[in-house]
Amino acid sequence: MKESKKLPNFKSESEESAFWDENDVTEYFDMHKAKKVHFTNLKKSTKSISLRLPVDMLEALKVKANAMDVPYQSLIKIFLADALKSA
């Protein structure tokens, strides 16, 4: 494996942008050393709501969710998302 090139110092963002337009990032960084990162702040915002359901409906949701190995509230969100797509 060849050694990575030394990255130059840039005087401005536009100079750096022009540099990357002309050069391949893989020549300057060892992609095998890259680490996976998580951008936790990119999650969609959520808001709690109160929803009254008939007891038998809630129990049926919990049974179905358990069979699918997902939390019942997540199953409700899946059902709502599907319904919105087809509406």
C-alpha atoms as a PDB file:
ATOM      1  CA  MET A   1       0.000   0.000   0.000  1.00  0.00           C
ATOM      2  CA  LYS A   2       1.420   3.385  -0.978  1.00  0.00           C
ATOM      3  CA  GLU A   3       1.829   6.210   1.496  1.00  0.00           C
ATOM      4  CA  SER A   4      -0.666   9.058   1.501  1.00  0.00           C
ATOM      5  CA  LYS A   5       0.327  12.421   0.045  1.00  0.00           C
ATOM      6  CA  LYS A   6       0.829  15.375   2.392  1.00  0.00           C
ATOM      7  CA  LEU A   7      -2.166  17.658   2.495  1.00  0.00           C
ATOM      8  CA  PRO A   8      -1.290  21.310   1.693  1.00  0.00           C
ATOM      9  CA  ASN A   9      -2.224  24.236   3.916  1.00  0.00           C
ATOM     10  CA  PHE A  10      -5.072  26.225   2.417  1.00  0.00           C
ATOM     11  CA  LYS A  11      -5.370  30.010   2.665  1.00  0.00           C
ATOM     12  CA  SER A  12      -9.118  30.024   2.105  1.00  0.00           C
ATOM     13  CA  GLU A  13     -12.125  27.777   1.730  1.00  0.00           C
ATOM     14  CA  SER A  14     -12.328  28.598  -1.981  1.00  0.00           C
ATOM     15  CA  GLU A  15      -8.690  27.529  -2.429  1.00  0.00           C
ATOM     16  CA  GLU A  16      -9.442  24.236  -0.684  1.00  0.00           C
ATOM     17  CA  SER A  17     -12.564  23.748  -2.793  1.00  0.00           C
ATOM     18  CA  ALA A  18     -10.568  24.297  -5.992  1.00  0.00           C
ATOM     19  CA  PHE A  19      -7.941  21.823  -4.764  1.00  0.00           C
ATOM     20  CA  TRP A  20     -10.517  19.063  -4.175  1.00  0.00           C
ATOM     21  CA  ASP A  21     -12.080  19.718  -7.575  1.00  0.00           C
ATOM     22  CA  GLU A  22      -8.751  18.687  -9.111  1.00  0.00           C
ATOM     23  CA  ASN A  23      -7.499  16.010  -6.684  1.00  0.00           C
ATOM     24  CA  ASP A  24      -8.590  12.585  -5.438  1.00  0.00           C
ATOM     25  CA  VAL A  25      -9.249  12.347  -1.707  1.00  0.00           C
ATOM     26  CA  THR A  26      -8.015   8.740  -1.637  1.00  0.00           C
ATOM     27  CA  GLU A  27      -4.500   9.949  -2.469  1.00  0.00           C
ATOM     28  CA  TYR A  28      -4.427  12.052   0.697  1.00  0.00           C
ATOM     29  CA  PHE A  29      -6.205   9.856   3.246  1.00  0.00           C
ATOM     30  CA  ASP A  30      -5.873   6.161   4.055  1.00  0.00           C
ATOM     31  CA  MET A  31      -9.466   5.037   3.763  1.00  0.00           C
ATOM     32  CA  HIS A  32      -8.614   1.805   5.617  1.00  0.00           C
ATOM     33  CA  LYS A  33      -8.047   3.895   8.744  1.00  0.00           C
ATOM     34  CA  ALA A  34     -11.420   5.603   8.447  1.00  0.00           C
ATOM     35  CA  LYS A  35     -13.757   5.158  11.396  1.00  0.00           C
ATOM     36  CA  LYS A  36     -17.520   4.963  11.317  1.00  0.00           C
ATOM     37  CA  VAL A  37     -19.183   7.949  12.961  1.00  0.00           C
ATOM     38  CA  HIS A  38     -22.737   8.553  14.058  1.00  0.00           C
ATOM     39  CA  PHE A  39     -24.401  11.931  13.643  1.00  0.00           C
ATOM     40  CA  THR A  40     -26.840  11.633  16.504  1.00  0.00           C
ATOM     41  CA  ASN A  41     -28.184  15.154  16.040  1.00  0.00           C
ATOM     42  CA  LEU A  42     -29.563  14.242  12.615  1.00  0.00           C
ATOM     43  CA  LYS A  43     -32.496  12.304  14.028  1.00  0.00           C
ATOM     44  CA  LYS A  44     -35.924  13.628  13.262  1.00  0.00           C
ATOM     45  CA  SER A  45     -37.452  15.571  16.097  1.00  0.00           C
ATOM     46  CA  THR A  46     -40.252  13.795  17.873  1.00  0.00           C
ATOM     47  CA  LYS A  47     -43.123  14.995  19.969  1.00  0.00           C
ATOM     48  CA  SER A  48     -45.064  13.022  22.535  1.00  0.00           C
ATOM     49  CA  ILE A  49     -48.802  12.780  22.063  1.00  0.00           C
ATOM     50  CA  SER A  50     -51.592  11.195  24.018  1.00  0.00           C
ATOM     51  CA  LEU A  51     -53.695   8.733  22.068  1.00  0.00           C
ATOM     52  CA  ARG A  52     -56.721   6.964  23.462  1.00  0.00           C
ATOM     53  CA  LEU A  53     -57.280   3.507  21.998  1.00  0.00           C
ATOM     54  CA  PRO A  54     -59.791   0.815  22.855  1.00  0.00           C
ATOM     55  CA  VAL A  55     -58.207  -1.685  25.238  1.00  0.00           C
ATOM     56  CA  ASP A  56     -58.729  -4.607  22.849  1.00  0.00           C
ATOM     57  CA  MET A  57     -57.036  -2.685  20.009  1.00  0.00           C
ATOM     58  CA  LEU A  58     -54.048  -1.857  22.204  1.00  0.00           C
ATOM     59  CA  GLU A  59     -53.741  -5.483  23.306  1.00  0.00           C
ATOM     60  CA  ALA A  60     -53.895  -6.672  19.681  1.00  0.00           C
ATOM     61  CA  LEU A  61     -51.151  -4.157  18.770  1.00  0.00           C
ATOM     62  CA  LYS A  62     -48.966  -5.401  21.611  1.00  0.00           C
ATOM     63  CA  VAL A  63     -49.436  -9.041  20.573  1.00  0.00           C
ATOM     64  CA  LYS A  64     -48.600  -8.254  16.929  1.00  0.00           C
ATOM     65  CA  ALA A  65     -45.604  -6.117  17.955  1.00  0.00           C
ATOM     66  CA  ASN A  66     -44.324  -8.879  20.206  1.00  0.00           C
ATOM     67  CA  ALA A  67     -44.613 -11.393  17.348  1.00  0.00           C
ATOM     68  CA  MET A  68     -42.605  -9.010  15.134  1.00  0.00           C
ATOM     69  CA  ASP A  69     -40.104  -8.341  17.959  1.00  0.00           C
ATOM     70  CA  VAL A  70     -40.623  -4.569  17.876  1.00  0.00           C
ATOM     71  CA  PRO A  71     -41.947  -2.202  20.533  1.00  0.00           C
ATOM     72  CA  TYR A  72     -45.678  -1.618  20.098  1.00  0.00           C
ATOM     73  CA  GLN A  73     -45.232   2.153  19.808  1.00  0.00           C
ATOM     74  CA  SER A  74     -42.778   1.587  16.940  1.00  0.00           C
ATOM     75  CA  LEU A  75     -45.331  -0.671  15.268  1.00  0.00           C
ATOM     76  CA  ILE A  76     -47.942   2.086  15.548  1.00  0.00           C
ATOM     77  CA  LYS A  77     -45.485   4.496  13.851  1.00  0.00           C
ATOM     78  CA  ILE A  78     -44.885   1.948  11.069  1.00  0.00           C
ATOM     79  CA  PHE A  79     -48.631   1.559  10.509  1.00  0.00           C
ATOM     80  CA  LEU A  80     -49.139   5.331  10.467  1.00  0.00           C
ATOM     81  CA  ALA A  81     -46.260   5.870   8.023  1.00  0.00           C
ATOM     82  CA  ASP A  82     -47.667   3.190   5.691  1.00  0.00           C
ATOM     83  CA  ALA A  83     -51.132   4.723   5.877  1.00  0.00           C
ATOM     84  CA  LEU A  84     -49.759   8.181   5.072  1.00  0.00           C
ATOM     85  CA  LYS A  85     -47.852   6.856   2.054  1.00  0.00           C
ATOM     86  CA  SER A  86     -50.949   5.231   0.596  1.00  0.00           C
ATOM     87  CA  ALA A  87     -53.288   8.147   1.413  1.00  0.00           C
END
